[in-house]
């Protein structure tokens, strides 16, 4: 069965324990429920933002629904490419892109996710349901929806949404 690709959203806190904007990661899974995933993301190695980004992107095989830090996953699409092919591209993705197509305005895990997905879409035409230049806005809308749902419910239940 062809894999699914999505974006996982994690709770993130600052050094004072306050919630800050969520962390984003690309995930690929053999099922639409994203029970076990390959996860790809960049991490800033400095608490003040000056430590530089992880090189290469961090790759993990995880059961995200068991993590209390995971807010949820935005499913982007089921894709025809095998997981091994997607893994090869995402594992070797640069931690920063010369041309930022995300529209975020500064370099972050969010901008990396959008640019890495855009680079995949450049290689595999038709991979994404939206053009890269509007992908961040579509994802951000779903993330905001997830955050509102979580705040309203007061629950740490794992959320799953389609883009």
N, C-alpha and C. Protein backbone atom coordinates (compact mmCIF):
# COMPACT_ATOMS: atom_id res chain seq x y z
N UNK A 1 0.84 -1.19 0.00
CA UNK A 1 0.00 0.00 0.00
C UNK A 1 0.89 1.25 0.00
N UNK A 2 0.58 2.23 -0.82
CA UNK A 2 1.39 3.46 -0.86
C UNK A 2 1.36 4.20 0.47
N UNK A 3 2.46 4.84 0.83
CA UNK A 3 2.53 5.54 2.12
C UNK A 3 1.79 6.87 2.13
N UNK A 4 1.60 7.37 3.32
CA UNK A 4 1.01 8.69 3.55
C UNK A 4 2.10 9.63 4.04
N UNK A 5 1.96 10.90 3.68
CA UNK A 5 2.90 11.91 4.15
C UNK A 5 2.10 12.98 4.89
N UNK A 6 2.67 13.46 5.98
CA UNK A 6 1.98 14.45 6.78
C UNK A 6 2.95 15.31 7.57
N UNK A 7 2.40 16.18 8.39
CA UNK A 7 3.20 17.05 9.25
C UNK A 7 2.76 16.82 10.69
N UNK A 8 3.71 16.43 11.53
CA UNK A 8 3.43 16.24 12.96
C UNK A 8 3.68 17.55 13.69
N UNK A 9 2.83 17.84 14.65
CA UNK A 9 2.92 19.07 15.44
C UNK A 9 3.16 18.68 16.90
N UNK A 10 4.23 19.23 17.47
CA UNK A 10 4.62 18.90 18.85
C UNK A 10 4.49 20.12 19.75
N UNK A 11 4.10 19.90 21.00
CA UNK A 11 4.15 20.95 22.01
C UNK A 11 5.61 21.32 22.24
N UNK A 12 5.85 22.60 22.45
CA UNK A 12 7.21 23.07 22.68
C UNK A 12 7.16 24.11 23.80
N UNK A 13 8.11 24.05 24.73
CA UNK A 13 8.16 25.02 25.82
C UNK A 13 9.52 25.72 25.82
N UNK A 14 9.53 26.94 26.35
CA UNK A 14 10.79 27.67 26.46
C UNK A 14 11.48 27.31 27.77
N UNK A 15 12.59 27.97 28.07
CA UNK A 15 13.38 27.64 29.26
C UNK A 15 12.62 27.92 30.56
N UNK A 16 11.55 28.71 30.49
CA UNK A 16 10.73 28.99 31.68
C UNK A 16 9.51 28.08 31.78
N UNK A 17 9.44 27.11 30.88
CA UNK A 17 8.33 26.16 30.91
C UNK A 17 7.05 26.67 30.27
N UNK A 18 7.13 27.80 29.57
CA UNK A 18 5.94 28.37 28.92
C UNK A 18 5.78 27.80 27.51
N UNK A 19 4.53 27.53 27.13
CA UNK A 19 4.27 27.05 25.78
C UNK A 19 4.65 28.11 24.76
N UNK A 20 5.33 27.68 23.71
CA UNK A 20 5.68 28.56 22.59
C UNK A 20 5.14 27.92 21.32
N UNK A 21 5.41 28.52 20.17
CA UNK A 21 4.88 27.97 18.93
C UNK A 21 5.31 26.51 18.78
N UNK A 22 4.43 25.68 18.23
CA UNK A 22 4.72 24.25 18.16
C UNK A 22 5.85 23.91 17.20
N UNK A 23 6.46 22.77 17.44
CA UNK A 23 7.52 22.23 16.58
C UNK A 23 6.86 21.44 15.45
N UNK A 24 7.41 21.55 14.24
CA UNK A 24 6.88 20.84 13.08
C UNK A 24 7.87 19.79 12.61
N UNK A 25 7.35 18.67 12.11
CA UNK A 25 8.18 17.61 11.53
C UNK A 25 7.41 16.95 10.39
N UNK A 26 8.13 16.45 9.40
CA UNK A 26 7.51 15.68 8.33
C UNK A 26 7.43 14.23 8.79
N UNK A 27 6.30 13.59 8.54
CA UNK A 27 6.15 12.18 8.89
C UNK A 27 5.64 11.41 7.68
N UNK A 28 6.13 10.18 7.54
CA UNK A 28 5.60 9.27 6.53
C UNK A 28 5.20 7.98 7.24
N UNK A 29 4.11 7.39 6.78
CA UNK A 29 3.55 6.22 7.44
C UNK A 29 2.90 5.30 6.42
N UNK A 30 2.82 4.04 6.77
CA UNK A 30 2.16 3.07 5.90
C UNK A 30 0.64 3.11 6.06
N UNK A 31 0.15 3.81 7.09
CA UNK A 31 -1.30 3.87 7.30
C UNK A 31 -1.76 5.32 7.48
N UNK A 32 -3.03 5.57 7.18
CA UNK A 32 -3.61 6.90 7.32
C UNK A 32 -3.73 7.30 8.79
N UNK A 33 -3.67 6.34 9.69
CA UNK A 33 -3.76 6.65 11.12
C UNK A 33 -2.41 7.09 11.70
N UNK A 34 -1.34 6.97 10.93
CA UNK A 34 0.00 7.39 11.36
C UNK A 34 0.37 6.76 12.72
N UNK A 35 0.10 5.45 12.86
CA UNK A 35 0.38 4.76 14.11
C UNK A 35 1.88 4.72 14.36
N UNK A 36 2.66 4.25 13.39
CA UNK A 36 4.13 4.27 13.48
C UNK A 36 4.61 5.05 12.27
N UNK A 37 5.58 5.92 12.50
CA UNK A 37 6.01 6.82 11.43
C UNK A 37 7.53 6.91 11.36
N UNK A 38 7.99 7.30 10.19
CA UNK A 38 9.34 7.84 10.06
C UNK A 38 9.14 9.35 10.18
N UNK A 39 9.90 9.98 11.05
CA UNK A 39 9.75 11.41 11.33
C UNK A 39 11.05 12.13 10.97
N UNK A 40 10.93 13.29 10.32
CA UNK A 40 12.10 14.06 9.88
C UNK A 40 11.91 15.51 10.31
N UNK A 41 12.91 16.06 10.99
CA UNK A 41 12.82 17.45 11.43
C UNK A 41 14.21 18.00 11.70
N UNK A 42 14.28 19.32 11.82
CA UNK A 42 15.53 19.95 12.21
C UNK A 42 15.37 20.47 13.63
N UNK A 43 16.49 20.55 14.33
CA UNK A 43 16.48 20.99 15.72
C UNK A 43 17.53 22.08 15.87
N UNK A 44 17.16 23.16 16.54
CA UNK A 44 18.13 24.22 16.83
C UNK A 44 18.92 23.80 18.05
N UNK A 45 20.24 23.73 17.90
CA UNK A 45 21.10 23.24 18.98
C UNK A 45 21.48 24.30 20.00
N UNK A 46 20.98 25.51 19.86
CA UNK A 46 21.30 26.56 20.82
C UNK A 46 20.05 27.10 21.45
N UNK A 47 20.05 27.26 22.76
CA UNK A 47 18.85 27.75 23.44
C UNK A 47 18.52 29.19 23.05
N UNK A 48 19.54 29.94 22.62
CA UNK A 48 19.29 31.32 22.22
C UNK A 48 19.11 31.45 20.71
N UNK A 49 19.02 30.31 20.03
CA UNK A 49 18.86 30.33 18.58
C UNK A 49 20.18 30.46 17.83
N UNK A 50 21.29 30.60 18.55
CA UNK A 50 22.58 30.79 17.88
C UNK A 50 23.42 29.54 17.76
N UNK A 51 22.90 28.40 18.17
CA UNK A 51 23.69 27.17 18.17
C UNK A 51 23.74 26.47 16.84
N UNK A 52 22.94 26.89 15.91
CA UNK A 52 22.92 26.25 14.60
C UNK A 52 21.92 25.10 14.55
N UNK A 53 21.61 24.70 13.34
CA UNK A 53 20.61 23.66 13.12
C UNK A 53 21.27 22.30 12.99
N UNK A 54 20.55 21.26 13.39
CA UNK A 54 21.05 19.89 13.29
C UNK A 54 21.40 19.58 11.84
N UNK A 55 22.46 18.84 11.66
CA UNK A 55 22.89 18.43 10.32
C UNK A 55 23.23 16.96 10.38
N UNK A 56 22.67 16.12 9.58
CA UNK A 56 21.53 16.32 8.69
C UNK A 56 20.24 16.38 9.50
N UNK A 57 19.10 16.47 8.81
CA UNK A 57 17.84 16.47 9.56
C UNK A 57 17.76 15.23 10.45
N UNK A 58 17.16 15.39 11.60
CA UNK A 58 17.00 14.27 12.54
C UNK A 58 15.94 13.32 11.97
N UNK A 59 16.25 12.03 11.98
CA UNK A 59 15.31 11.01 11.49
C UNK A 59 15.00 10.07 12.65
N UNK A 60 13.72 9.82 12.88
CA UNK A 60 13.31 8.92 13.95
C UNK A 60 12.21 7.99 13.45
N UNK A 61 12.19 6.80 14.01
CA UNK A 61 11.07 5.89 13.77
C UNK A 61 10.32 5.85 15.09
N UNK A 62 9.08 6.26 15.10
CA UNK A 62 8.41 6.46 16.38
C UNK A 62 6.93 6.12 16.34
N UNK A 63 6.39 5.89 17.52
CA UNK A 63 4.95 5.74 17.72
C UNK A 63 4.47 7.07 18.30
N UNK A 64 4.16 8.02 17.43
CA UNK A 64 3.85 9.38 17.87
C UNK A 64 2.62 9.47 18.76
N UNK A 65 1.64 8.62 18.52
CA UNK A 65 0.42 8.71 19.30
C UNK A 65 0.65 8.37 20.77
N UNK A 66 1.80 7.76 21.09
CA UNK A 66 2.12 7.44 22.48
C UNK A 66 2.85 8.59 23.16
N UNK A 67 3.26 9.59 22.41
CA UNK A 67 3.99 10.72 22.99
C UNK A 67 3.02 11.78 23.50
N UNK A 68 3.26 12.24 24.71
CA UNK A 68 2.40 13.29 25.28
C UNK A 68 2.70 14.65 24.67
N UNK A 69 3.84 14.80 24.01
CA UNK A 69 4.20 16.10 23.41
C UNK A 69 3.57 16.30 22.03
N UNK A 70 3.14 15.23 21.40
CA UNK A 70 2.57 15.35 20.06
C UNK A 70 1.13 15.83 20.16
N UNK A 71 0.86 16.94 19.49
CA UNK A 71 -0.50 17.48 19.44
C UNK A 71 -1.31 16.71 18.41
N UNK A 72 -0.71 16.49 17.25
CA UNK A 72 -1.40 15.76 16.20
C UNK A 72 -0.64 15.77 14.90
N UNK A 73 -1.29 15.26 13.88
CA UNK A 73 -0.69 15.18 12.54
C UNK A 73 -1.69 15.73 11.53
N UNK A 74 -1.17 16.54 10.61
CA UNK A 74 -1.95 17.00 9.46
C UNK A 74 -1.55 16.11 8.29
N UNK A 75 -2.49 15.30 7.82
CA UNK A 75 -2.22 14.40 6.69
C UNK A 75 -2.29 15.22 5.40
N UNK A 76 -1.23 15.14 4.62
CA UNK A 76 -1.18 15.89 3.36
C UNK A 76 -1.71 15.06 2.20
N UNK A 77 -1.21 13.82 2.07
CA UNK A 77 -1.64 13.01 0.93
C UNK A 77 -1.11 11.59 1.04
N UNK A 78 -1.77 10.69 0.32
CA UNK A 78 -1.21 9.37 0.09
C UNK A 78 -0.40 9.50 -1.19
N UNK A 79 0.82 9.00 -1.17
CA UNK A 79 1.72 9.23 -2.30
C UNK A 79 2.16 7.90 -2.92
N UNK A 80 2.41 7.88 -4.23
CA UNK A 80 2.77 6.62 -4.89
C UNK A 80 4.22 6.18 -4.64
N UNK A 81 5.08 7.08 -4.21
CA UNK A 81 6.47 6.74 -4.01
C UNK A 81 6.64 5.81 -2.81
N UNK A 82 7.53 4.82 -2.90
CA UNK A 82 7.77 3.93 -1.76
C UNK A 82 8.39 4.69 -0.59
N UNK A 83 8.16 4.17 0.63
CA UNK A 83 8.72 4.82 1.82
C UNK A 83 10.23 4.94 1.72
N UNK A 84 10.89 3.93 1.18
CA UNK A 84 12.36 3.96 1.09
C UNK A 84 12.84 5.12 0.22
N UNK A 85 12.11 5.42 -0.84
CA UNK A 85 12.46 6.54 -1.72
C UNK A 85 12.27 7.87 -1.00
N UNK A 86 11.14 8.02 -0.32
CA UNK A 86 10.89 9.25 0.44
C UNK A 86 11.93 9.40 1.55
N UNK A 87 12.25 8.29 2.22
CA UNK A 87 13.24 8.31 3.29
C UNK A 87 14.60 8.78 2.78
N UNK A 88 15.01 8.29 1.63
CA UNK A 88 16.31 8.68 1.06
C UNK A 88 16.35 10.18 0.81
N UNK A 89 15.29 10.74 0.27
CA UNK A 89 15.25 12.18 0.00
C UNK A 89 15.21 13.01 1.27
N UNK A 90 14.36 12.63 2.22
CA UNK A 90 14.22 13.43 3.44
C UNK A 90 15.43 13.30 4.36
N UNK A 91 16.04 12.13 4.40
CA UNK A 91 17.23 11.94 5.26
C UNK A 91 18.42 12.75 4.77
N UNK A 92 18.45 13.03 3.48
CA UNK A 92 19.58 13.78 2.93
C UNK A 92 19.22 15.23 2.60
N UNK A 93 18.05 15.68 3.03
CA UNK A 93 17.64 17.07 2.76
C UNK A 93 18.56 18.04 3.49
N UNK A 94 18.86 19.18 2.88
CA UNK A 94 19.68 20.17 3.58
C UNK A 94 18.92 20.75 4.78
N UNK A 95 19.67 21.23 5.77
CA UNK A 95 19.00 21.83 6.93
C UNK A 95 18.56 23.25 6.64
N UNK A 96 19.15 23.87 5.63
CA UNK A 96 18.68 25.19 5.18
C UNK A 96 18.68 25.22 3.67
N UNK A 97 17.71 25.90 3.12
CA UNK A 97 17.57 26.02 1.67
C UNK A 97 17.99 27.43 1.26
N UNK A 98 18.68 27.52 0.12
CA UNK A 98 19.14 28.83 -0.36
C UNK A 98 17.97 29.74 -0.69
N UNK A 99 16.91 29.16 -1.22
CA UNK A 99 15.72 29.93 -1.57
C UNK A 99 14.57 29.46 -0.68
N UNK A 100 14.17 30.30 0.25
CA UNK A 100 13.09 29.94 1.18
C UNK A 100 11.75 30.20 0.51
N UNK A 101 11.02 29.13 0.23
CA UNK A 101 9.71 29.24 -0.43
C UNK A 101 8.56 29.15 0.56
N UNK A 102 8.85 29.11 1.85
CA UNK A 102 7.81 28.86 2.84
C UNK A 102 6.92 30.06 3.12
N UNK A 103 7.47 31.26 3.03
CA UNK A 103 6.71 32.45 3.38
C UNK A 103 6.66 32.71 4.87
N UNK A 104 7.41 31.94 5.66
CA UNK A 104 7.41 32.11 7.12
C UNK A 104 8.08 33.43 7.51
N UNK A 105 9.15 33.81 6.83
CA UNK A 105 9.82 35.08 7.12
C UNK A 105 11.11 34.93 7.91
N UNK A 106 11.35 33.77 8.50
CA UNK A 106 12.60 33.48 9.21
C UNK A 106 12.79 31.97 9.18
N UNK A 107 14.03 31.52 9.44
CA UNK A 107 14.30 30.09 9.36
C UNK A 107 13.86 29.40 10.63
N UNK A 108 13.13 28.30 10.48
CA UNK A 108 12.60 27.56 11.62
C UNK A 108 12.25 26.14 11.17
N UNK A 109 11.78 25.35 12.10
CA UNK A 109 11.32 24.00 11.75
C UNK A 109 10.16 24.08 10.75
N UNK A 110 9.30 25.08 10.90
CA UNK A 110 8.18 25.27 9.97
C UNK A 110 8.67 25.52 8.56
N UNK A 111 9.62 26.46 8.42
CA UNK A 111 10.12 26.78 7.08
C UNK A 111 10.86 25.58 6.49
N UNK A 112 11.59 24.83 7.33
CA UNK A 112 12.28 23.64 6.82
C UNK A 112 11.26 22.63 6.29
N UNK A 113 10.20 22.37 7.03
CA UNK A 113 9.18 21.41 6.61
C UNK A 113 8.61 21.80 5.25
N UNK A 114 8.22 23.05 5.10
CA UNK A 114 7.61 23.49 3.83
C UNK A 114 8.62 23.40 2.68
N UNK A 115 9.86 23.82 2.92
CA UNK A 115 10.89 23.75 1.87
C UNK A 115 11.26 22.31 1.52
N UNK A 116 11.35 21.43 2.52
CA UNK A 116 11.67 20.02 2.25
C UNK A 116 10.54 19.36 1.46
N UNK A 117 9.29 19.67 1.82
CA UNK A 117 8.16 19.15 1.05
C UNK A 117 8.17 19.70 -0.37
N UNK A 118 8.52 20.99 -0.51
CA UNK A 118 8.62 21.59 -1.83
C UNK A 118 9.69 20.93 -2.68
N UNK A 119 10.83 20.62 -2.06
CA UNK A 119 11.91 19.94 -2.79
C UNK A 119 11.47 18.55 -3.23
N UNK A 120 10.72 17.85 -2.38
CA UNK A 120 10.17 16.55 -2.77
C UNK A 120 9.21 16.70 -3.94
N UNK A 121 8.37 17.72 -3.89
CA UNK A 121 7.39 17.95 -4.96
C UNK A 121 8.08 18.34 -6.27
N UNK A 122 9.26 18.96 -6.18
CA UNK A 122 10.01 19.29 -7.39
C UNK A 122 10.48 18.01 -8.09
N UNK A 123 10.84 17.00 -7.29
CA UNK A 123 11.32 15.73 -7.84
C UNK A 123 10.14 14.84 -8.26
N UNK A 124 9.12 14.80 -7.42
CA UNK A 124 7.95 13.94 -7.67
C UNK A 124 6.74 14.83 -7.96
N UNK A 125 6.56 15.18 -9.20
CA UNK A 125 5.47 16.07 -9.60
C UNK A 125 4.12 15.52 -9.15
N UNK A 126 3.28 16.41 -8.65
CA UNK A 126 1.95 16.02 -8.21
C UNK A 126 1.91 15.45 -6.80
N UNK A 127 3.02 15.49 -6.08
CA UNK A 127 3.08 14.94 -4.72
C UNK A 127 2.18 15.70 -3.76
N UNK A 128 2.17 17.02 -3.88
CA UNK A 128 1.42 17.86 -2.94
C UNK A 128 0.08 18.31 -3.55
N UNK A 129 -0.95 18.43 -2.72
CA UNK A 129 -2.24 18.88 -3.24
C UNK A 129 -2.29 20.38 -3.51
N UNK A 130 -1.29 21.12 -3.02
CA UNK A 130 -1.23 22.57 -3.21
C UNK A 130 0.16 22.97 -3.66
N UNK A 131 0.25 24.13 -4.32
CA UNK A 131 1.55 24.68 -4.69
C UNK A 131 2.31 25.04 -3.42
N UNK A 132 3.63 24.94 -3.47
CA UNK A 132 4.47 25.19 -2.30
C UNK A 132 4.25 26.58 -1.74
N UNK A 133 4.02 27.57 -2.59
CA UNK A 133 3.89 28.94 -2.09
C UNK A 133 2.64 29.17 -1.24
N UNK A 134 1.66 28.26 -1.28
CA UNK A 134 0.49 28.40 -0.39
C UNK A 134 0.40 27.27 0.64
N UNK A 135 1.33 26.32 0.59
CA UNK A 135 1.30 25.17 1.49
C UNK A 135 1.38 25.59 2.96
N UNK A 136 2.27 26.53 3.28
CA UNK A 136 2.42 26.93 4.68
C UNK A 136 1.10 27.49 5.23
N UNK A 137 0.43 28.32 4.47
CA UNK A 137 -0.83 28.91 4.93
C UNK A 137 -1.88 27.82 5.18
N UNK A 138 -1.95 26.82 4.31
CA UNK A 138 -2.91 25.72 4.49
C UNK A 138 -2.57 24.91 5.74
N UNK A 139 -1.28 24.60 5.91
CA UNK A 139 -0.86 23.85 7.10
C UNK A 139 -1.10 24.65 8.37
N UNK A 140 -0.73 25.93 8.33
CA UNK A 140 -0.87 26.79 9.51
C UNK A 140 -2.34 26.87 9.95
N UNK A 141 -3.25 26.93 9.00
CA UNK A 141 -4.68 26.98 9.34
C UNK A 141 -5.10 25.72 10.09
N UNK A 142 -4.63 24.57 9.64
CA UNK A 142 -4.96 23.31 10.32
C UNK A 142 -4.32 23.23 11.70
N UNK A 143 -3.08 23.70 11.81
CA UNK A 143 -2.38 23.70 13.10
C UNK A 143 -3.13 24.57 14.10
N UNK A 144 -3.54 25.76 13.67
CA UNK A 144 -4.30 26.65 14.56
C UNK A 144 -5.60 26.00 15.01
N UNK A 145 -6.25 25.30 14.08
CA UNK A 145 -7.48 24.57 14.41
C UNK A 145 -7.22 23.50 15.48
N UNK A 146 -6.13 22.77 15.31
CA UNK A 146 -5.76 21.73 16.28
C UNK A 146 -5.49 22.34 17.65
N UNK A 147 -4.77 23.45 17.67
CA UNK A 147 -4.45 24.11 18.94
C UNK A 147 -5.71 24.59 19.64
N UNK A 148 -6.64 25.17 18.88
CA UNK A 148 -7.92 25.61 19.47
C UNK A 148 -8.70 24.42 20.03
N UNK A 149 -8.76 23.35 19.26
CA UNK A 149 -9.47 22.14 19.70
C UNK A 149 -8.87 21.61 20.99
N UNK A 150 -7.57 21.58 21.05
CA UNK A 150 -6.89 21.06 22.24
C UNK A 150 -7.15 21.94 23.46
N UNK A 151 -7.09 23.26 23.26
CA UNK A 151 -7.34 24.19 24.38
C UNK A 151 -8.78 24.07 24.88
N UNK A 152 -9.73 24.00 23.93
CA UNK A 152 -11.15 23.90 24.30
C UNK A 152 -11.45 22.62 25.06
N UNK A 153 -10.86 21.52 24.61
CA UNK A 153 -11.18 20.23 25.22
C UNK A 153 -10.42 20.00 26.52
N UNK A 154 -9.28 20.67 26.68
CA UNK A 154 -8.46 20.45 27.86
C UNK A 154 -7.83 19.07 27.89
N UNK A 155 -7.91 18.37 26.78
CA UNK A 155 -7.42 17.00 26.68
C UNK A 155 -6.07 16.98 25.97
N UNK A 156 -5.29 15.96 26.24
CA UNK A 156 -4.04 15.78 25.51
C UNK A 156 -4.21 14.71 24.44
N UNK A 157 -5.45 14.49 24.03
CA UNK A 157 -5.75 13.49 23.01
C UNK A 157 -5.07 13.84 21.69
N UNK A 158 -4.52 12.82 21.03
CA UNK A 158 -3.87 12.95 19.74
C UNK A 158 -4.91 13.33 18.68
N UNK A 159 -4.59 14.34 17.87
CA UNK A 159 -5.51 14.82 16.83
C UNK A 159 -4.98 14.47 15.45
N UNK A 160 -5.87 14.14 14.55
CA UNK A 160 -5.51 13.82 13.17
C UNK A 160 -6.43 14.60 12.25
N UNK A 161 -5.85 15.36 11.32
CA UNK A 161 -6.65 16.17 10.40
C UNK A 161 -6.10 16.04 8.99
N UNK A 162 -6.95 16.20 8.01
CA UNK A 162 -6.51 16.26 6.62
C UNK A 162 -6.28 17.71 6.25
N UNK A 163 -5.33 17.93 5.35
CA UNK A 163 -5.05 19.30 4.93
C UNK A 163 -6.24 19.82 4.16
